[in-house]
Amino acid sequence: MIPDQLETANLTMRPFLEDDATAVLAYWKSDPGWERFNASVPSDFTMNDANVFVSEMCARNRKDRPSWAVVHRGLVVGVVSLSFEQDYRITVIGYGVHGDLRGRGLAVEAAQTVIDQAFDRYAQLQKIRAHTDPENTASIRVLEKLGFLREGTLRKNQFVKGRLCDEAVFGLLRGEWS
C-alpha cells in the first residue's frame, strides 16, 4: 500500500480530514472556470458541497482508491487520487491544485510522487491512465510533463454541466516511467 503521508520538497500529502472543507471550498473558488471541466463539482459550489467532497474522500478505501490532500505551506491546496482496477494492474489518477498556485509545478510534483510510489509498491501495476477534457490545456500540460502519452479522444463521452463533451485519454506505461 502507498503510505498515507508523503513528503516532497514543497508539499505534504496526507489523507483528508473532515475539517479540510473550508480549504477545499477556497481551492474550488480559486478558479471559477475550472469547474466546467469537472463533472463532480457543481457550478455553484457551496460549503455543503465541499463538506460532501471531503466526506467522500475520507470514506474512500485507501487500499483501492487512495486520495491525498495536497498541503502547501500549511494549507490544503489540492488533491491527488488513484483508483486501482484489474487486480492493481491499472490505475486512474486524478489531481488538481489551487488556481492561484497553478504554473508553479506543484501539480506535477504531487502527481509524480504518487506515481513513483504506485509503481514502486505495486509490481503488477503496468499502466496509469488519466482522463481530461481536451480543452483543459493546463491538465494536459501536467500530464505531458509527467511523461503521459495521449492515447486518443473519446467523443461525447461524458456529460458535464449540461453538455456532452469529449474526453482525452492519456496513459503512462511502466516501461515509460522514469
N, C-alpha and C. Protein backbone atom coordinates (compact mmCIF):
# COMPACT_ATOMS: atom_id res chain seq x y z
N MET A 1 0.83 -1.18 0.00
CA MET A 1 0.00 0.00 0.00
C MET A 1 0.88 1.25 0.00
N ILE A 2 0.38 2.30 -0.60
CA ILE A 2 1.11 3.56 -0.61
C ILE A 2 0.91 4.23 0.75
N PRO A 3 1.97 4.82 1.30
CA PRO A 3 1.83 5.46 2.61
C PRO A 3 0.75 6.55 2.63
N ASP A 4 0.16 6.72 3.80
CA ASP A 4 -0.85 7.77 3.96
C ASP A 4 -0.23 9.15 3.83
N GLN A 5 0.98 9.31 4.31
CA GLN A 5 1.64 10.61 4.26
C GLN A 5 2.85 10.54 3.34
N LEU A 6 2.93 11.51 2.44
CA LEU A 6 4.05 11.62 1.51
C LEU A 6 4.61 13.03 1.60
N GLU A 7 5.92 13.13 1.49
CA GLU A 7 6.59 14.44 1.59
C GLU A 7 7.38 14.69 0.31
N THR A 8 7.35 15.93 -0.15
CA THR A 8 8.20 16.36 -1.26
C THR A 8 8.93 17.60 -0.81
N ALA A 9 9.69 18.20 -1.71
CA ALA A 9 10.41 19.42 -1.36
C ALA A 9 9.47 20.54 -0.93
N ASN A 10 8.30 20.62 -1.56
CA ASN A 10 7.37 21.73 -1.32
C ASN A 10 6.04 21.34 -0.70
N LEU A 11 5.77 20.04 -0.62
CA LEU A 11 4.42 19.60 -0.27
C LEU A 11 4.43 18.51 0.79
N THR A 12 3.34 18.45 1.51
CA THR A 12 2.98 17.30 2.32
C THR A 12 1.66 16.79 1.76
N MET A 13 1.56 15.50 1.58
CA MET A 13 0.30 14.91 1.12
C MET A 13 -0.14 13.93 2.19
N ARG A 14 -1.41 14.06 2.57
CA ARG A 14 -1.95 13.27 3.66
C ARG A 14 -3.42 12.98 3.38
N PRO A 15 -4.00 12.03 4.12
CA PRO A 15 -5.44 11.80 3.95
C PRO A 15 -6.23 13.06 4.30
N PHE A 16 -7.37 13.21 3.67
CA PHE A 16 -8.25 14.33 4.00
C PHE A 16 -8.77 14.18 5.42
N LEU A 17 -9.01 15.31 6.06
CA LEU A 17 -9.63 15.38 7.37
C LEU A 17 -10.96 16.11 7.23
N GLU A 18 -11.91 15.79 8.08
CA GLU A 18 -13.23 16.42 7.98
C GLU A 18 -13.16 17.94 8.00
N ASP A 19 -12.19 18.52 8.72
CA ASP A 19 -12.13 19.98 8.80
C ASP A 19 -11.38 20.62 7.63
N ASP A 20 -11.12 19.87 6.56
CA ASP A 20 -10.49 20.42 5.36
C ASP A 20 -11.48 21.10 4.42
N ALA A 21 -12.76 21.05 4.72
CA ALA A 21 -13.78 21.56 3.79
C ALA A 21 -13.61 23.04 3.48
N THR A 22 -13.25 23.85 4.44
CA THR A 22 -13.08 25.29 4.18
C THR A 22 -11.97 25.51 3.16
N ALA A 23 -10.87 24.78 3.31
CA ALA A 23 -9.76 24.90 2.35
C ALA A 23 -10.17 24.38 0.98
N VAL A 24 -10.96 23.29 0.94
CA VAL A 24 -11.44 22.75 -0.33
C VAL A 24 -12.33 23.78 -1.03
N LEU A 25 -13.20 24.43 -0.28
CA LEU A 25 -14.06 25.46 -0.88
C LEU A 25 -13.21 26.59 -1.47
N ALA A 26 -12.19 27.02 -0.76
CA ALA A 26 -11.30 28.08 -1.27
C ALA A 26 -10.59 27.61 -2.53
N TYR A 27 -10.16 26.35 -2.54
CA TYR A 27 -9.49 25.77 -3.71
C TYR A 27 -10.43 25.79 -4.91
N TRP A 28 -11.68 25.35 -4.70
CA TRP A 28 -12.64 25.34 -5.81
C TRP A 28 -12.94 26.75 -6.31
N LYS A 29 -13.09 27.68 -5.40
CA LYS A 29 -13.45 29.05 -5.78
C LYS A 29 -12.27 29.83 -6.36
N SER A 30 -11.07 29.29 -6.27
CA SER A 30 -9.88 30.00 -6.73
C SER A 30 -9.84 30.14 -8.25
N ASP A 31 -10.59 29.35 -8.96
CA ASP A 31 -10.62 29.42 -10.41
C ASP A 31 -12.03 29.09 -10.88
N PRO A 32 -12.89 30.11 -11.00
CA PRO A 32 -14.29 29.87 -11.34
C PRO A 32 -14.50 29.12 -12.66
N GLY A 33 -13.57 29.20 -13.58
CA GLY A 33 -13.72 28.49 -14.85
C GLY A 33 -13.36 27.02 -14.78
N TRP A 34 -12.63 26.62 -13.74
CA TRP A 34 -12.14 25.25 -13.62
C TRP A 34 -13.26 24.24 -13.52
N GLU A 35 -14.32 24.58 -12.81
CA GLU A 35 -15.39 23.62 -12.57
C GLU A 35 -16.03 23.11 -13.86
N ARG A 36 -15.88 23.86 -14.94
CA ARG A 36 -16.52 23.42 -16.20
C ARG A 36 -15.92 22.11 -16.70
N PHE A 37 -14.71 21.78 -16.23
CA PHE A 37 -14.06 20.54 -16.64
C PHE A 37 -14.34 19.38 -15.71
N ASN A 38 -15.03 19.61 -14.62
CA ASN A 38 -15.19 18.59 -13.60
C ASN A 38 -16.65 18.30 -13.32
N ALA A 39 -17.09 17.11 -13.71
CA ALA A 39 -18.49 16.74 -13.54
C ALA A 39 -18.89 16.64 -12.07
N SER A 40 -17.95 16.35 -11.19
CA SER A 40 -18.29 16.14 -9.78
C SER A 40 -18.34 17.43 -8.98
N VAL A 41 -17.98 18.55 -9.56
CA VAL A 41 -18.01 19.83 -8.85
C VAL A 41 -19.14 20.67 -9.42
N PRO A 42 -20.16 20.99 -8.61
CA PRO A 42 -21.26 21.80 -9.12
C PRO A 42 -20.80 23.22 -9.49
N SER A 43 -21.51 23.83 -10.44
CA SER A 43 -21.15 25.18 -10.89
C SER A 43 -21.26 26.20 -9.77
N ASP A 44 -22.21 26.02 -8.90
CA ASP A 44 -22.45 26.98 -7.81
C ASP A 44 -22.07 26.35 -6.47
N PHE A 45 -20.87 25.78 -6.42
CA PHE A 45 -20.45 25.02 -5.25
C PHE A 45 -20.54 25.85 -3.98
N THR A 46 -20.89 25.13 -2.92
CA THR A 46 -21.12 25.76 -1.62
C THR A 46 -20.29 25.04 -0.56
N MET A 47 -20.38 25.54 0.63
CA MET A 47 -19.70 24.88 1.75
C MET A 47 -20.24 23.48 1.93
N ASN A 48 -21.53 23.28 1.72
CA ASN A 48 -22.11 21.95 1.82
C ASN A 48 -21.47 21.00 0.80
N ASP A 49 -21.27 21.47 -0.43
CA ASP A 49 -20.63 20.65 -1.45
C ASP A 49 -19.20 20.29 -1.05
N ALA A 50 -18.49 21.25 -0.47
CA ALA A 50 -17.12 20.98 0.00
C ALA A 50 -17.14 19.94 1.11
N ASN A 51 -18.10 20.04 2.02
CA ASN A 51 -18.22 19.05 3.10
C ASN A 51 -18.50 17.66 2.54
N VAL A 52 -19.37 17.57 1.54
CA VAL A 52 -19.68 16.28 0.92
C VAL A 52 -18.43 15.71 0.26
N PHE A 53 -17.70 16.53 -0.49
CA PHE A 53 -16.48 16.08 -1.15
C PHE A 53 -15.49 15.53 -0.13
N VAL A 54 -15.25 16.29 0.93
CA VAL A 54 -14.28 15.86 1.95
C VAL A 54 -14.75 14.57 2.61
N SER A 55 -16.02 14.47 2.90
CA SER A 55 -16.55 13.22 3.49
C SER A 55 -16.33 12.04 2.57
N GLU A 56 -16.54 12.25 1.27
CA GLU A 56 -16.31 11.18 0.30
C GLU A 56 -14.84 10.80 0.23
N MET A 57 -13.96 11.78 0.28
CA MET A 57 -12.52 11.49 0.26
C MET A 57 -12.12 10.73 1.53
N CYS A 58 -12.68 11.11 2.66
CA CYS A 58 -12.36 10.43 3.93
C CYS A 58 -12.87 9.00 3.94
N ALA A 59 -13.97 8.75 3.26
CA ALA A 59 -14.60 7.43 3.29
C ALA A 59 -14.00 6.47 2.26
N ARG A 60 -13.19 6.95 1.36
CA ARG A 60 -12.62 6.08 0.33
C ARG A 60 -11.76 4.98 0.95
N ASN A 61 -11.80 3.82 0.33
CA ASN A 61 -10.95 2.70 0.74
C ASN A 61 -9.52 3.03 0.30
N ARG A 62 -8.64 3.24 1.26
CA ARG A 62 -7.27 3.66 0.93
C ARG A 62 -6.48 2.58 0.21
N LYS A 63 -6.93 1.35 0.28
CA LYS A 63 -6.23 0.28 -0.43
C LYS A 63 -6.51 0.33 -1.93
N ASP A 64 -7.76 0.53 -2.31
CA ASP A 64 -8.15 0.52 -3.72
C ASP A 64 -8.30 1.90 -4.34
N ARG A 65 -8.63 2.90 -3.52
CA ARG A 65 -8.91 4.23 -4.04
C ARG A 65 -8.33 5.32 -3.13
N PRO A 66 -7.02 5.30 -2.94
CA PRO A 66 -6.43 6.30 -2.03
C PRO A 66 -6.51 7.71 -2.61
N SER A 67 -6.63 8.65 -1.71
CA SER A 67 -6.57 10.06 -2.10
C SER A 67 -5.75 10.80 -1.06
N TRP A 68 -5.16 11.90 -1.47
CA TRP A 68 -4.33 12.71 -0.59
C TRP A 68 -4.73 14.17 -0.72
N ALA A 69 -4.84 14.83 0.40
CA ALA A 69 -4.94 16.29 0.42
C ALA A 69 -3.52 16.81 0.20
N VAL A 70 -3.38 17.72 -0.74
CA VAL A 70 -2.08 18.31 -1.03
C VAL A 70 -1.95 19.57 -0.18
N VAL A 71 -0.95 19.59 0.70
CA VAL A 71 -0.75 20.69 1.64
C VAL A 71 0.51 21.45 1.25
N HIS A 72 0.37 22.76 1.11
CA HIS A 72 1.49 23.64 0.77
C HIS A 72 1.50 24.78 1.77
N ARG A 73 2.61 24.93 2.46
CA ARG A 73 2.76 25.98 3.48
C ARG A 73 1.61 25.95 4.49
N GLY A 74 1.24 24.74 4.90
CA GLY A 74 0.25 24.57 5.94
C GLY A 74 -1.20 24.60 5.50
N LEU A 75 -1.46 24.84 4.21
CA LEU A 75 -2.83 24.91 3.71
C LEU A 75 -3.11 23.82 2.69
N VAL A 76 -4.32 23.25 2.76
CA VAL A 76 -4.73 22.28 1.74
C VAL A 76 -5.00 23.07 0.46
N VAL A 77 -4.25 22.70 -0.60
CA VAL A 77 -4.35 23.44 -1.86
C VAL A 77 -4.68 22.54 -3.05
N GLY A 78 -4.97 21.27 -2.78
CA GLY A 78 -5.27 20.40 -3.91
C GLY A 78 -5.51 18.98 -3.49
N VAL A 79 -5.57 18.12 -4.50
CA VAL A 79 -5.88 16.71 -4.30
C VAL A 79 -5.14 15.88 -5.34
N VAL A 80 -4.76 14.67 -4.95
CA VAL A 80 -4.31 13.64 -5.88
C VAL A 80 -5.02 12.36 -5.46
N SER A 81 -5.53 11.62 -6.43
CA SER A 81 -6.23 10.37 -6.10
C SER A 81 -5.89 9.30 -7.13
N LEU A 82 -6.02 8.05 -6.69
CA LEU A 82 -5.86 6.90 -7.56
C LEU A 82 -7.09 6.01 -7.43
N SER A 83 -7.41 5.32 -8.49
CA SER A 83 -8.47 4.29 -8.47
C SER A 83 -7.92 3.07 -9.19
N PHE A 84 -7.57 2.05 -8.40
CA PHE A 84 -6.98 0.84 -8.97
C PHE A 84 -8.04 -0.03 -9.62
N GLU A 85 -7.65 -0.69 -10.71
CA GLU A 85 -8.53 -1.59 -11.47
C GLU A 85 -7.75 -2.86 -11.82
N GLN A 86 -8.47 -3.88 -12.18
CA GLN A 86 -7.91 -5.10 -12.74
C GLN A 86 -6.75 -5.65 -11.90
N ASP A 87 -7.06 -5.95 -10.65
CA ASP A 87 -6.07 -6.53 -9.74
C ASP A 87 -4.79 -5.71 -9.65
N TYR A 88 -4.96 -4.40 -9.59
CA TYR A 88 -3.83 -3.47 -9.42
C TYR A 88 -2.90 -3.42 -10.63
N ARG A 89 -3.38 -3.82 -11.78
CA ARG A 89 -2.56 -3.75 -13.00
C ARG A 89 -2.67 -2.37 -13.67
N ILE A 90 -3.79 -1.70 -13.41
CA ILE A 90 -4.07 -0.37 -13.98
C ILE A 90 -4.63 0.51 -12.88
N THR A 91 -4.27 1.78 -12.91
CA THR A 91 -4.90 2.74 -12.01
C THR A 91 -5.19 4.02 -12.78
N VAL A 92 -6.19 4.73 -12.33
CA VAL A 92 -6.56 6.02 -12.90
C VAL A 92 -6.16 7.09 -11.89
N ILE A 93 -5.47 8.12 -12.36
CA ILE A 93 -5.03 9.20 -11.49
C ILE A 93 -5.88 10.44 -11.74
N GLY A 94 -6.16 11.15 -10.67
CA GLY A 94 -6.81 12.44 -10.74
C GLY A 94 -6.03 13.42 -9.88
N TYR A 95 -6.07 14.70 -10.20
CA TYR A 95 -5.29 15.70 -9.46
C TYR A 95 -5.87 17.08 -9.71
N GLY A 96 -5.51 17.98 -8.86
CA GLY A 96 -5.88 19.38 -9.01
C GLY A 96 -5.15 20.21 -7.99
N VAL A 97 -4.90 21.48 -8.33
CA VAL A 97 -4.20 22.40 -7.44
C VAL A 97 -4.92 23.75 -7.49
N HIS A 98 -4.90 24.44 -6.36
CA HIS A 98 -5.50 25.76 -6.20
C HIS A 98 -5.12 26.65 -7.38
N GLY A 99 -6.09 27.38 -7.92
CA GLY A 99 -5.87 28.22 -9.09
C GLY A 99 -4.76 29.24 -8.94
N ASP A 100 -4.60 29.80 -7.74
CA ASP A 100 -3.55 30.80 -7.52
C ASP A 100 -2.15 30.21 -7.55
N LEU A 101 -2.06 28.88 -7.45
CA LEU A 101 -0.75 28.22 -7.41
C LEU A 101 -0.42 27.49 -8.72
N ARG A 102 -1.30 27.56 -9.70
CA ARG A 102 -1.04 26.86 -10.96
C ARG A 102 0.15 27.49 -11.67
N GLY A 103 0.85 26.64 -12.40
CA GLY A 103 2.01 27.12 -13.15
C GLY A 103 3.30 27.08 -12.34
N ARG A 104 3.23 26.61 -11.10
CA ARG A 104 4.42 26.54 -10.25
C ARG A 104 4.98 25.13 -10.15
N GLY A 105 4.37 24.18 -10.84
CA GLY A 105 4.87 22.81 -10.83
C GLY A 105 4.38 21.97 -9.66
N LEU A 106 3.46 22.49 -8.86
CA LEU A 106 3.01 21.74 -7.69
C LEU A 106 2.15 20.54 -8.06
N ALA A 107 1.32 20.67 -9.08
CA ALA A 107 0.51 19.52 -9.52
C ALA A 107 1.42 18.42 -10.03
N VAL A 108 2.44 18.79 -10.79
CA VAL A 108 3.40 17.81 -11.30
C VAL A 108 4.14 17.15 -10.13
N GLU A 109 4.58 17.95 -9.18
CA GLU A 109 5.33 17.43 -8.03
C GLU A 109 4.47 16.45 -7.22
N ALA A 110 3.22 16.81 -6.97
CA ALA A 110 2.33 15.94 -6.19
C ALA A 110 2.02 14.65 -6.96
N ALA A 111 1.64 14.79 -8.22
CA ALA A 111 1.29 13.61 -9.01
C ALA A 111 2.49 12.71 -9.23
N GLN A 112 3.67 13.29 -9.49
CA GLN A 112 4.88 12.48 -9.69
C GLN A 112 5.19 11.64 -8.47
N THR A 113 5.02 12.22 -7.30
CA THR A 113 5.28 11.49 -6.05
C THR A 113 4.35 10.29 -5.92
N VAL A 114 3.08 10.49 -6.22
CA VAL A 114 2.11 9.39 -6.12
C VAL A 114 2.39 8.34 -7.19
N ILE A 115 2.72 8.77 -8.40
CA ILE A 115 3.04 7.84 -9.49
C ILE A 115 4.26 6.99 -9.11
N ASP A 116 5.31 7.63 -8.60
CA ASP A 116 6.51 6.89 -8.20
C ASP A 116 6.18 5.86 -7.13
N GLN A 117 5.39 6.25 -6.16
CA GLN A 117 5.00 5.33 -5.10
C GLN A 117 4.19 4.16 -5.65
N ALA A 118 3.27 4.46 -6.55
CA ALA A 118 2.41 3.40 -7.12
C ALA A 118 3.25 2.38 -7.88
N PHE A 119 4.13 2.84 -8.75
CA PHE A 119 4.97 1.89 -9.49
C PHE A 119 5.95 1.16 -8.57
N ASP A 120 6.47 1.84 -7.57
CA ASP A 120 7.41 1.20 -6.63
C ASP A 120 6.74 0.12 -5.79
N ARG A 121 5.53 0.36 -5.36
CA ARG A 121 4.88 -0.53 -4.39
C ARG A 121 4.00 -1.62 -5.00
N TYR A 122 3.64 -1.47 -6.25
CA TYR A 122 2.78 -2.47 -6.90
C TYR A 122 3.50 -3.01 -8.13
N ALA A 123 4.17 -4.14 -7.97
CA ALA A 123 4.94 -4.73 -9.07
C ALA A 123 4.05 -5.10 -10.25
N GLN A 124 2.79 -5.42 -9.98
CA GLN A 124 1.88 -5.80 -11.04
C GLN A 124 1.32 -4.60 -11.81
N LEU A 125 1.50 -3.39 -11.29
CA LEU A 125 0.98 -2.18 -11.95
C LEU A 125 1.71 -1.96 -13.27
N GLN A 126 0.96 -1.93 -14.35
CA GLN A 126 1.54 -1.76 -15.68
C GLN A 126 1.19 -0.44 -16.34
N LYS A 127 0.11 0.20 -15.86
CA LYS A 127 -0.33 1.42 -16.55
C LYS A 127 -1.05 2.35 -15.59
N ILE A 128 -0.78 3.63 -15.77
CA ILE A 128 -1.54 4.68 -15.09
C ILE A 128 -2.24 5.48 -16.18
N ARG A 129 -3.52 5.64 -16.00
CA ARG A 129 -4.35 6.31 -17.00
C ARG A 129 -4.89 7.61 -16.42
N ALA A 130 -5.11 8.58 -17.28
CA ALA A 130 -5.72 9.85 -16.88
C ALA A 130 -6.71 10.27 -17.95
N HIS A 131 -7.75 10.93 -17.51
CA HIS A 131 -8.79 11.42 -18.42
C HIS A 131 -8.94 12.92 -18.18
N THR A 132 -9.08 13.68 -19.25
CA THR A 132 -9.29 15.12 -19.10
C THR A 132 -10.07 15.65 -20.29
N ASP A 133 -10.66 16.79 -20.12
CA ASP A 133 -11.33 17.47 -21.22
C ASP A 133 -10.24 17.95 -22.18
N PRO A 134 -10.39 17.72 -23.48
CA PRO A 134 -9.36 18.15 -24.44
C PRO A 134 -9.12 19.66 -24.43
N GLU A 135 -10.06 20.42 -23.86
CA GLU A 135 -9.89 21.87 -23.77
C GLU A 135 -9.16 22.29 -22.50
N ASN A 136 -8.90 21.36 -21.61
CA ASN A 136 -8.22 21.67 -20.35
C ASN A 136 -6.71 21.62 -20.58
N THR A 137 -6.20 22.68 -21.16
CA THR A 137 -4.78 22.71 -21.56
C THR A 137 -3.85 22.63 -20.36
N ALA A 138 -4.25 23.18 -19.22
CA ALA A 138 -3.39 23.11 -18.03
C ALA A 138 -3.21 21.67 -17.58
N SER A 139 -4.27 20.90 -17.57
CA SER A 139 -4.19 19.50 -17.18
C SER A 139 -3.37 18.69 -18.18
N ILE A 140 -3.54 18.99 -19.44
CA ILE A 140 -2.77 18.29 -20.47
C ILE A 140 -1.28 18.58 -20.32
N ARG A 141 -0.93 19.83 -20.00
CA ARG A 141 0.48 20.17 -19.77
C ARG A 141 1.05 19.37 -18.60
N VAL A 142 0.27 19.22 -17.53
CA VAL A 142 0.73 18.43 -16.38
C VAL A 142 1.02 17.01 -16.83
N LEU A 143 0.08 16.40 -17.54
CA LEU A 143 0.26 15.01 -17.98
C LEU A 143 1.47 14.86 -18.89
N GLU A 144 1.67 15.79 -19.79
CA GLU A 144 2.83 15.72 -20.68
C GLU A 144 4.14 15.84 -19.89
N LYS A 145 4.18 16.72 -18.89
CA LYS A 145 5.38 16.85 -18.07
C LYS A 145 5.66 15.58 -17.28
N LEU A 146 4.61 14.84 -16.95
CA LEU A 146 4.75 13.58 -16.23
C LEU A 146 5.13 12.41 -17.14
N GLY A 147 5.16 12.64 -18.45
CA GLY A 147 5.54 11.60 -19.39
C GLY A 147 4.38 10.81 -19.97
N PHE A 148 3.16 11.22 -19.69
CA PHE A 148 1.99 10.54 -20.25
C PHE A 148 1.89 10.80 -21.74
N LEU A 149 1.40 9.83 -22.48
CA LEU A 149 1.15 9.98 -23.90
C LEU A 149 -0.35 10.00 -24.15
N ARG A 150 -0.76 10.84 -25.07
CA ARG A 150 -2.18 10.90 -25.44
C ARG A 150 -2.51 9.66 -26.25
N GLU A 151 -3.50 8.92 -25.78
CA GLU A 151 -3.88 7.67 -26.43
C GLU A 151 -5.09 7.82 -27.33
N GLY A 152 -5.81 8.90 -27.16
CA GLY A 152 -6.96 9.11 -28.01
C GLY A 152 -7.99 10.02 -27.37
N THR A 153 -9.06 10.21 -28.10
CA THR A 153 -10.16 11.03 -27.62
C THR A 153 -11.44 10.23 -27.73
N LEU A 154 -12.15 10.15 -26.64
CA LEU A 154 -13.46 9.52 -26.62
C LEU A 154 -14.48 10.62 -26.88
N ARG A 155 -15.13 10.53 -28.02
CA ARG A 155 -16.03 11.60 -28.45
C ARG A 155 -17.34 11.56 -27.66
N LYS A 156 -17.75 12.75 -27.21
CA LYS A 156 -19.02 12.91 -26.49
C LYS A 156 -19.17 11.83 -25.42
N ASN A 157 -18.14 11.67 -24.61
CA ASN A 157 -18.08 10.54 -23.68
C ASN A 157 -18.52 10.86 -22.26
N GLN A 158 -18.66 12.14 -21.94
CA GLN A 158 -19.11 12.46 -20.58
C GLN A 158 -20.06 13.65 -20.62
N PHE A 159 -20.96 13.65 -19.66
CA PHE A 159 -21.96 14.71 -19.55
C PHE A 159 -21.53 15.62 -18.41
N VAL A 160 -21.10 16.83 -18.75
CA VAL A 160 -20.58 17.76 -17.76
C VAL A 160 -21.29 19.09 -17.92
N LYS A 161 -21.92 19.52 -16.85
CA LYS A 161 -22.56 20.84 -16.79
C LYS A 161 -23.55 21.03 -17.95
N GLY A 162 -24.35 20.04 -18.18
CA GLY A 162 -25.41 20.15 -19.17
C GLY A 162 -25.01 19.95 -20.61
N ARG A 163 -23.79 19.47 -20.84
CA ARG A 163 -23.37 19.23 -22.23
C ARG A 163 -22.55 17.95 -22.33
N LEU A 164 -22.70 17.28 -23.45
CA LEU A 164 -21.85 16.14 -23.74
C LEU A 164 -20.52 16.68 -24.23
N CYS A 165 -19.44 16.17 -23.68
CA CYS A 165 -18.14 16.67 -24.12
C CYS A 165 -17.17 15.50 -24.33
N ASP A 166 -16.15 15.80 -25.10
CA ASP A 166 -15.13 14.81 -25.39
C ASP A 166 -14.27 14.57 -24.16
N GLU A 167 -13.56 13.46 -24.19
CA GLU A 167 -12.66 13.10 -23.10
C GLU A 167 -11.35 12.61 -23.70
N ALA A 168 -10.27 13.32 -23.39
CA ALA A 168 -8.95 12.91 -23.85
C ALA A 168 -8.41 11.89 -22.86
N VAL A 169 -7.84 10.80 -23.38
CA VAL A 169 -7.32 9.72 -22.55
C VAL A 169 -5.79 9.70 -22.71
N PHE A 170 -5.10 9.68 -21.58
CA PHE A 170 -3.65 9.65 -21.55
C PHE A 170 -3.20 8.42 -20.78
N GLY A 171 -2.03 7.90 -21.11
CA GLY A 171 -1.51 6.74 -20.40
C GLY A 171 -0.01 6.83 -20.20
N LEU A 172 0.41 6.21 -19.09
CA LEU A 172 1.83 6.08 -18.79
C LEU A 172 2.08 4.61 -18.44
N LEU A 173 2.88 3.95 -19.26
CA LEU A 173 3.19 2.54 -19.04
C LEU A 173 4.41 2.41 -18.13
N ARG A 174 4.45 1.31 -17.42
CA ARG A 174 5.59 1.06 -16.52
C ARG A 174 6.93 1.25 -17.27
N GLY A 175 7.04 0.73 -18.47
CA GLY A 175 8.29 0.84 -19.23
C GLY A 175 8.64 2.25 -19.64
N GLU A 176 7.67 3.17 -19.60
CA GLU A 176 7.92 4.57 -19.95
C GLU A 176 8.23 5.42 -18.72
N TRP A 177 7.96 4.87 -17.55
CA TRP A 177 8.15 5.59 -16.30
C TRP A 177 9.64 5.72 -16.00
N SER A 178 10.03 6.92 -15.65
CA SER A 178 11.45 7.12 -15.31
C SER A 178 11.56 8.01 -14.08
